[in-house]
Amino acid sequence: MTGERILIVDDDPDTPDFCRRVLQEKGYQVSAVLTRREAIEVAHQGDFQLVLMDIDMPGLDGLLGYATLLEEQVSDESRKHTQAIIHSALHLKKLVADMLNLRYLETGEMKLELEELHPLEIGRAVVGELGFLAEQKGQRLVVEVPGDLPTVRADRQKLELVLSNLVSNAIKFTPDGGAIRIEASMANDLLTVAVKDSGIGIGNEEHERIFDRFYQVEDSLTRQHDGLGLGLSIARGLVELHQGHLWVESSEWQGSTFYFTVSRRL
């Protein structure tokens, strides 16, 4: 794993410096340390290859595994440092995945791998993935999808990514103790999935702009809640590949409901 290049993205000034030092001691070449704002600027310039060439995903997975094992063996005082490595590595993985998905969507390289699946399976998979985050905030995350809904022909991984993105946002922007529901219905061979939350809501003037790539509603929120402003743009692109639509209904401080549709038969 030595010699592989790593890009660190983190807004905490202490975390990148510590990660750089540890990685270099392990033989990694740390090619750059960027804040989240700087990473947005690089991506705005369309220089995706520059960023992606400096990232080795298998090496990153190895680093994550090493740091996770190390975390179980170190003292409480040292654990914050291993957690910093894990935190940065996970954010980097999300950054890479978002930028790759966006590039594939924009170049038309994104393809669907269709199979018959039930909407309830997608809902349960996402709750299994993100449920612990809701638990940490004392939130109630539930799936209310009828078991007798017909199956749809869709790309499982991509629909899970869409729903995961929406649920993750709902968890981030819903206060502690709030509620998030995943619902689904079928009419005229069109599946409609809704993610409803009791969060901070979105002003009417933002309802379309939030789907623009790199758009973020409010700087203070994005500093408090991690993100590059790519997720909703990617989610809309993946839904449109399924001949569907993605939109939001929301008012400030009144919660939000994100809807997306998928044609039952592609």
Foldseek 3Di string as FASTA:
>chain_A
DAAAADEWEAQPVVLVVLLCVVNVVVRYHHPYYYYLVVVLVCVVVVVLCVRVVRDDVVVLVVLLVVLVVVLVPDDPVCNVNSVSSNVRSVVVVVVNVLSVLVVCLVVVVDDWDKDWDDPVVLLVVLCVVCVVLLVVLQEAEEEDEDPPAGTFITRSVLVSLLVNLVVVVQSLFAHRNWYWYWYWDDDPQKIKIKIWIQGQWDAPVCFPVLLDAQDDRDPVSCVVPPDRSRSNVSSQSRLVSQVKGWTKDTHGSRTIMIMMMGRRYD
